[in-house]
Amino acid sequence: MAGSTEEKTHDARGPLCGGGLHEGTASLPFFLDQRIVVIKDVPAEICGDCGEPYMMSGVTGRVETLLDKLDELDSEISVIHYKAA
C-alpha cells in the first residue's frame, strides 16, 4: 500500500516493529462513518521492514483539512491526490 518515491534514510525507528524509517510517499486510507477516503501521495515515513507508513507531522493539518472538505460531499468513496487537493 505504501510507495516510496524518495529514499532518504535517518535513524528513526517504526513503533510497531522497530524497523528503520525512510522518507517517501504513501496512499493512506481513512474511514469516516460509512465512507472511505484514500489520499494518495501523502508525505510519510515508511518502515523499511514492515512497510507501514506514518504521516509526517508537517502534513497532518493539511490531511485534516482535506478530510473536512470531503466530509461535505455526498460520496461513499473518494480518492484524491495530496498535492493536487
C-alpha atoms as a PDB file:
ATOM      1  CA  MET A   1       0.000   0.000   0.000  1.00  0.00           C
ATOM      2  CA  ALA A   2       2.892   2.345   0.652  1.00  0.00           C
ATOM      3  CA  GLY A   3       5.007   3.556  -2.214  1.00  0.00           C
ATOM      4  CA  SER A   4       8.274   5.332  -1.789  1.00  0.00           C
ATOM      5  CA  THR A   5       9.486   7.970  -4.201  1.00  0.00           C
ATOM      6  CA  GLU A   6      12.412   9.171  -2.112  1.00  0.00           C
ATOM      7  CA  GLU A   7      14.912   7.035  -0.253  1.00  0.00           C
ATOM      8  CA  LYS A   8      16.186   9.482   2.354  1.00  0.00           C
ATOM      9  CA  THR A   9      17.138   7.422   5.423  1.00  0.00           C
ATOM     10  CA  HIS A  10      17.578   8.592   9.019  1.00  0.00           C
ATOM     11  CA  ASP A  11      17.863   6.995  12.459  1.00  0.00           C
ATOM     12  CA  ALA A  12      14.137   6.910  13.332  1.00  0.00           C
ATOM     13  CA  ARG A  13      12.549   3.548  14.078  1.00  0.00           C
ATOM     14  CA  GLY A  14       8.981   2.406  13.446  1.00  0.00           C
ATOM     15  CA  PRO A  15       6.889   1.989  16.602  1.00  0.00           C
ATOM     16  CA  LEU A  16       5.364  -1.343  15.544  1.00  0.00           C
ATOM     17  CA  CYS A  17       8.337  -3.469  14.505  1.00  0.00           C
ATOM     18  CA  GLY A  18      11.342  -1.225  15.166  1.00  0.00           C
ATOM     19  CA  GLY A  19      12.414  -1.157  11.521  1.00  0.00           C
ATOM     20  CA  GLY A  20      14.270   1.824  10.093  1.00  0.00           C
ATOM     21  CA  LEU A  21      12.150   4.610   8.617  1.00  0.00           C
ATOM     22  CA  HIS A  22      12.794   6.382   5.329  1.00  0.00           C
ATOM     23  CA  GLU A  23      11.019   9.346   3.788  1.00  0.00           C
ATOM     24  CA  GLY A  24       8.689   8.717   0.880  1.00  0.00           C
ATOM     25  CA  THR A  25       5.033   8.937  -0.050  1.00  0.00           C
ATOM     26  CA  ALA A  26       2.102   6.649   0.685  1.00  0.00           C
ATOM     27  CA  SER A  27      -1.556   6.133  -0.099  1.00  0.00           C
ATOM     28  CA  LEU A  28      -3.431   6.399   3.185  1.00  0.00           C
ATOM     29  CA  PRO A  29      -6.999   5.139   3.740  1.00  0.00           C
ATOM     30  CA  PHE A  30      -9.402   6.888   6.110  1.00  0.00           C
ATOM     31  CA  PHE A  31     -12.771   5.547   7.234  1.00  0.00           C
ATOM     32  CA  LEU A  32     -15.348   8.249   8.010  1.00  0.00           C
ATOM     33  CA  ASP A  33     -18.622   6.799   9.239  1.00  0.00           C
ATOM     34  CA  GLN A  34     -19.864   4.819   6.228  1.00  0.00           C
ATOM     35  CA  ARG A  35     -17.407   6.386   3.763  1.00  0.00           C
ATOM     36  CA  ILE A  36     -13.912   5.556   2.596  1.00  0.00           C
ATOM     37  CA  VAL A  37     -11.372   8.196   1.606  1.00  0.00           C
ATOM     38  CA  VAL A  38      -7.959   7.400   0.135  1.00  0.00           C
ATOM     39  CA  ILE A  39      -5.420  10.194  -0.063  1.00  0.00           C
ATOM     40  CA  LYS A  40      -2.578   9.331  -2.422  1.00  0.00           C
ATOM     41  CA  ASP A  41       0.999  10.635  -2.434  1.00  0.00           C
ATOM     42  CA  VAL A  42       0.992  11.751   1.215  1.00  0.00           C
ATOM     43  CA  PRO A  43       4.490  12.571   2.523  1.00  0.00           C
ATOM     44  CA  ALA A  44       5.268   9.864   5.053  1.00  0.00           C
ATOM     45  CA  GLU A  45       7.982   7.990   6.875  1.00  0.00           C
ATOM     46  CA  ILE A  46       7.827   4.371   5.760  1.00  0.00           C
ATOM     47  CA  CYS A  47       9.184   1.395   7.683  1.00  0.00           C
ATOM     48  CA  GLY A  48      11.820  -0.460   5.695  1.00  0.00           C
ATOM     49  CA  ASP A  49      10.932  -3.752   7.421  1.00  0.00           C
ATOM     50  CA  CYS A  50       7.123  -3.956   7.503  1.00  0.00           C
ATOM     51  CA  GLY A  51       6.206  -1.167   5.022  1.00  0.00           C
ATOM     52  CA  GLU A  52       3.902   0.621   7.484  1.00  0.00           C
ATOM     53  CA  PRO A  53       3.599   4.336   6.582  1.00  0.00           C
ATOM     54  CA  TYR A  54       3.496   7.078   9.222  1.00  0.00           C
ATOM     55  CA  MET A  55       2.249  10.535   8.304  1.00  0.00           C
ATOM     56  CA  MET A  56       4.885  13.180   8.795  1.00  0.00           C
ATOM     57  CA  SER A  57       3.910  15.738  11.442  1.00  0.00           C
ATOM     58  CA  GLY A  58       4.022  18.624   8.986  1.00  0.00           C
ATOM     59  CA  VAL A  59       1.236  17.171   6.812  1.00  0.00           C
ATOM     60  CA  THR A  60      -1.282  16.171   9.497  1.00  0.00           C
ATOM     61  CA  GLY A  61      -3.069  19.541   9.470  1.00  0.00           C
ATOM     62  CA  ARG A  62      -3.350  19.512   5.669  1.00  0.00           C
ATOM     63  CA  VAL A  63      -4.810  15.991   5.711  1.00  0.00           C
ATOM     64  CA  GLU A  64      -7.348  17.026   8.359  1.00  0.00           C
ATOM     65  CA  THR A  65      -8.369  19.999   6.210  1.00  0.00           C
ATOM     66  CA  LEU A  66      -8.815  17.738   3.173  1.00  0.00           C
ATOM     67  CA  LEU A  67     -10.924  15.289   5.189  1.00  0.00           C
ATOM     68  CA  ASP A  68     -13.100  18.147   6.485  1.00  0.00           C
ATOM     69  CA  LYS A  69     -13.724  19.345   2.905  1.00  0.00           C
ATOM     70  CA  LEU A  70     -14.580  15.837   1.741  1.00  0.00           C
ATOM     71  CA  ASP A  71     -16.973  15.459   4.660  1.00  0.00           C
ATOM     72  CA  GLU A  72     -19.263  17.926   2.870  1.00  0.00           C
ATOM     73  CA  LEU A  73     -19.530  15.711  -0.219  1.00  0.00           C
ATOM     74  CA  ASP A  74     -22.192  13.062  -0.515  1.00  0.00           C
ATOM     75  CA  SER A  75     -19.727  10.432  -1.752  1.00  0.00           C
ATOM     76  CA  GLU A  76     -19.265   6.913  -0.433  1.00  0.00           C
ATOM     77  CA  ILE A  77     -15.743   6.526  -1.827  1.00  0.00           C
ATOM     78  CA  SER A  78     -13.252   9.310  -2.599  1.00  0.00           C
ATOM     79  CA  VAL A  79      -9.704   9.043  -3.931  1.00  0.00           C
ATOM     80  CA  ILE A  80      -7.658  12.228  -4.086  1.00  0.00           C
ATOM     81  CA  HIS A  81      -4.024  13.212  -4.500  1.00  0.00           C
ATOM     82  CA  TYR A  82      -2.456  15.081  -1.585  1.00  0.00           C
ATOM     83  CA  LYS A  83      -0.584  17.598  -3.763  1.00  0.00           C
ATOM     84  CA  ALA A  84      -3.446  18.295  -6.163  1.00  0.00           C
ATOM     85  CA  ALA A  85      -6.094  18.869  -3.496  1.00  0.00           C
END
